[in-house]
Protein backbone atom coordinates (compact mmCIF):
# COMPACT_ATOMS: atom_id res chain seq x y z
CA MET A 1 121.71 68.49 38.28
CA ILE A 2 123.25 68.07 34.77
CA ARG A 3 120.72 69.62 32.68
CA PRO A 4 121.22 70.96 29.14
CA ALA A 5 123.12 74.41 28.85
CA CYS A 6 121.69 77.47 27.82
CA LEU A 7 123.10 81.08 26.81
CA GLY A 8 122.40 82.66 29.78
CA ASP A 9 124.51 80.45 31.39
CA GLU A 10 127.34 81.10 29.04
CA THR A 11 129.61 83.81 31.30
CA ALA A 12 129.45 81.14 34.21
CA ILE A 13 130.44 78.32 31.41
CA ARG A 14 133.69 80.77 30.37
CA GLU A 15 134.32 81.06 33.72
CA CYS A 16 134.74 77.38 34.41
CA THR A 17 136.29 76.82 31.49
CA ILE A 18 139.19 79.29 32.04
CA SER A 19 139.53 78.41 35.64
CA ALA A 20 139.83 74.56 35.05
CA TYR A 21 142.49 75.29 32.10
CA GLN A 22 144.22 77.60 33.29
CA ARG A 23 146.79 75.62 35.63
CA TYR A 24 148.17 74.12 31.88
CA VAL A 25 148.89 78.05 30.55
CA ALA A 26 151.89 77.25 31.76
CA VAL A 27 152.34 74.02 30.91
CA ILE A 28 151.46 73.57 27.40
CA GLY A 29 152.81 77.16 26.48
CA ARG A 30 149.46 78.84 25.21
CA LYS A 31 145.96 78.52 26.41
CA PRO A 32 144.10 75.13 25.63
CA ALA A 33 141.94 75.00 23.33
CA PRO A 34 138.83 75.41 25.59
CA MET A 35 139.76 78.04 26.28
CA THR A 36 139.86 80.20 23.47
CA ALA A 37 136.44 77.50 22.00
CA ASP A 38 132.99 79.31 20.72
CA VAL A 39 130.51 78.78 23.46
CA THR A 40 127.85 81.03 21.75
CA SER A 41 127.58 78.93 18.69
CA GLN A 42 128.34 75.88 20.89
CA ILE A 43 125.35 76.11 22.96
CA MET A 44 123.27 77.02 20.54
CA ALA A 45 123.64 73.74 18.72
CA GLY A 46 122.76 71.93 22.13
CA HIS A 47 126.24 70.67 22.56
CA VAL A 48 126.59 71.56 25.90
CA TYR A 49 125.61 70.58 29.55
CA VAL A 50 126.91 71.94 32.75
CA ALA A 51 126.88 70.15 36.68
CA THR A 52 125.04 73.14 38.87
CA ASP A 53 125.46 74.02 42.41
CA ASP A 54 121.84 74.44 44.58
CA GLU A 55 121.40 77.34 43.13
CA ASN A 56 121.43 75.79 39.94
CA ARG A 57 124.36 78.38 38.93
CA PRO A 58 127.75 76.15 36.08
CA VAL A 59 129.69 74.42 38.46
CA GLY A 60 131.20 72.28 35.76
CA VAL A 61 130.72 71.95 32.02
CA ILE A 62 130.61 68.68 28.93
CA VAL A 63 130.24 69.89 25.57
CA PHE A 64 129.41 66.65 23.37
CA TYR A 65 128.26 65.79 19.88
CA PRO A 66 127.45 63.18 17.55
CA ASP A 67 130.45 62.55 14.91
CA ASP A 68 130.51 60.45 11.44
CA ASP A 69 132.13 57.40 12.55
CA ASN A 70 128.73 56.08 14.79
CA ALA A 71 130.68 57.74 17.81
CA MET A 72 130.02 60.75 20.38
CA ILE A 73 132.65 63.40 20.07
CA LEU A 74 133.67 64.79 24.53
CA GLU A 75 135.70 67.00 22.98
CA ASN A 76 135.82 69.35 26.71
CA ILE A 77 135.07 68.68 29.99
CA ALA A 78 135.77 71.77 32.69
CA VAL A 79 134.76 71.76 36.73
CA ALA A 80 135.45 74.70 38.67
CA PRO A 81 138.94 73.68 41.20
CA GLU A 82 136.33 74.21 44.33
CA TYR A 83 134.04 71.87 42.99
CA GLU A 84 136.25 69.15 41.77
CA GLY A 85 136.81 65.92 43.62
CA LYS A 86 133.38 65.86 44.04
CA GLY A 87 132.23 63.50 41.13
CA ILE A 88 131.23 66.01 39.67
CA GLY A 89 133.83 65.42 36.54
CA LYS A 90 132.30 61.35 36.05
CA ARG A 91 127.98 61.78 36.50
CA LEU A 92 129.53 64.65 33.52
CA ILE A 93 130.76 61.90 31.41
CA ALA A 94 128.22 59.77 32.73
CA THR A 95 125.77 62.01 30.89
CA CYS A 96 128.31 61.84 27.92
CA GLU A 97 127.72 58.20 27.68
CA SER A 98 124.46 58.05 28.14
CA ALA A 99 123.85 60.67 25.34
CA ALA A 100 126.07 58.52 22.92
CA ARG A 101 123.46 55.15 24.03
CA LYS A 102 120.80 56.24 23.80
CA GLN A 103 121.45 57.65 20.43
CA GLY A 104 122.68 54.73 19.22
CA PHE A 105 126.37 55.97 19.32
CA SER A 106 128.64 52.24 20.21
CA HIS A 107 132.02 54.33 20.89
CA VAL A 108 132.46 57.89 22.22
CA ARG A 109 135.85 59.40 21.54
CA LEU A 110 138.04 62.30 23.83
CA TYR A 111 141.30 63.57 23.09
CA THR A 112 143.53 65.20 25.82
CA ASN A 113 146.33 67.06 25.97
CA GLU A 114 149.75 65.03 26.63
CA LYS A 115 150.82 67.77 29.32
CA MET A 116 147.47 66.91 30.78
CA SER A 117 148.59 64.18 33.03
CA LEU A 118 145.54 63.54 35.65
CA ASN A 119 143.80 63.58 32.22
CA LEU A 120 146.03 60.88 31.19
CA SER A 121 145.40 58.78 34.14
CA ILE A 122 141.49 59.21 34.47
CA TYR A 123 140.57 58.52 31.38
CA PRO A 124 141.72 54.76 31.23
CA HIS A 125 140.05 53.99 35.04
CA LEU A 126 137.09 55.27 33.17
CA GLY A 127 137.02 52.29 30.99
CA TYR A 128 138.95 54.12 27.75
CA VAL A 129 141.43 53.41 25.77
CA GLU A 130 144.35 55.06 24.27
CA THR A 131 144.03 54.61 21.11
CA ASP A 132 146.79 57.68 18.84
CA ARG A 133 148.61 59.81 19.81
CA ARG A 134 149.14 63.48 17.28
CA THR A 135 149.96 66.75 16.57
CA GLU A 136 147.09 69.36 15.56
CA ASP A 137 146.77 72.88 15.57
CA GLY A 138 150.17 72.84 17.51
CA PHE A 139 148.62 71.45 20.45
CA LYS A 140 150.17 67.45 20.59
CA ARG A 141 146.75 65.21 21.36
CA VAL A 142 146.28 61.62 23.75
CA TYR A 143 143.00 60.39 21.70
CA PHE A 144 140.58 57.68 23.67
CA GLU A 145 137.99 55.63 23.39
CA LYS A 146 135.62 53.58 24.87
CA LYS A 147 133.39 51.07 23.75
CA LEU A 148 129.49 51.29 24.99
CA PRO A 149 127.98 48.22 25.92
CA HIS A 150 124.40 47.66 24.33
CA SER A 151 121.50 49.24 25.72
CA VAL A 152 118.91 46.93 27.03
C-alpha cells in the first residue's frame, strides 16, 4: 500500500533512506543529499509518501512537491534494499506522476547523482529524458524530466 507519511513514520523513513543510499557514500565521497534531509519538515508539508509492508511499516519512500514552473519535483525515492526488485519504486513514481496529473502539472522533474549509474538507466526506461548536468552543493547532478499525458 502507498499512503501519505505521518510523523510516526519518521524513524522508519530515515532508516529506509539510509539503507538505500549507504552504498553510494564511498562512490560519491560523502552522504547523498537525501540522507541528510529534514524529514520532519517534509512530512509536515505533506511531501512524503510511503510504501508499506503487510504490517503497515514503511519499506519505500518518495518525496515530491509542486514547483513554480508547472512541474512536480520528485526530490527523493528510496526503497529498503531487501525490498528492491519488487516494483515498489515504480509504484512510488507512479504515485508522484498521478498526483502531478491530478494537480494539473505537465511535467515531473528529478535529478540524481551522476555516480548512481543504475538510476541513469532506470529513469529513461520509465520515460524520463535527460535535460541537464550540473554541479550543485558539491554534487554532480543529472536532471531528468517526463512530460505527462493530459488526464482524460
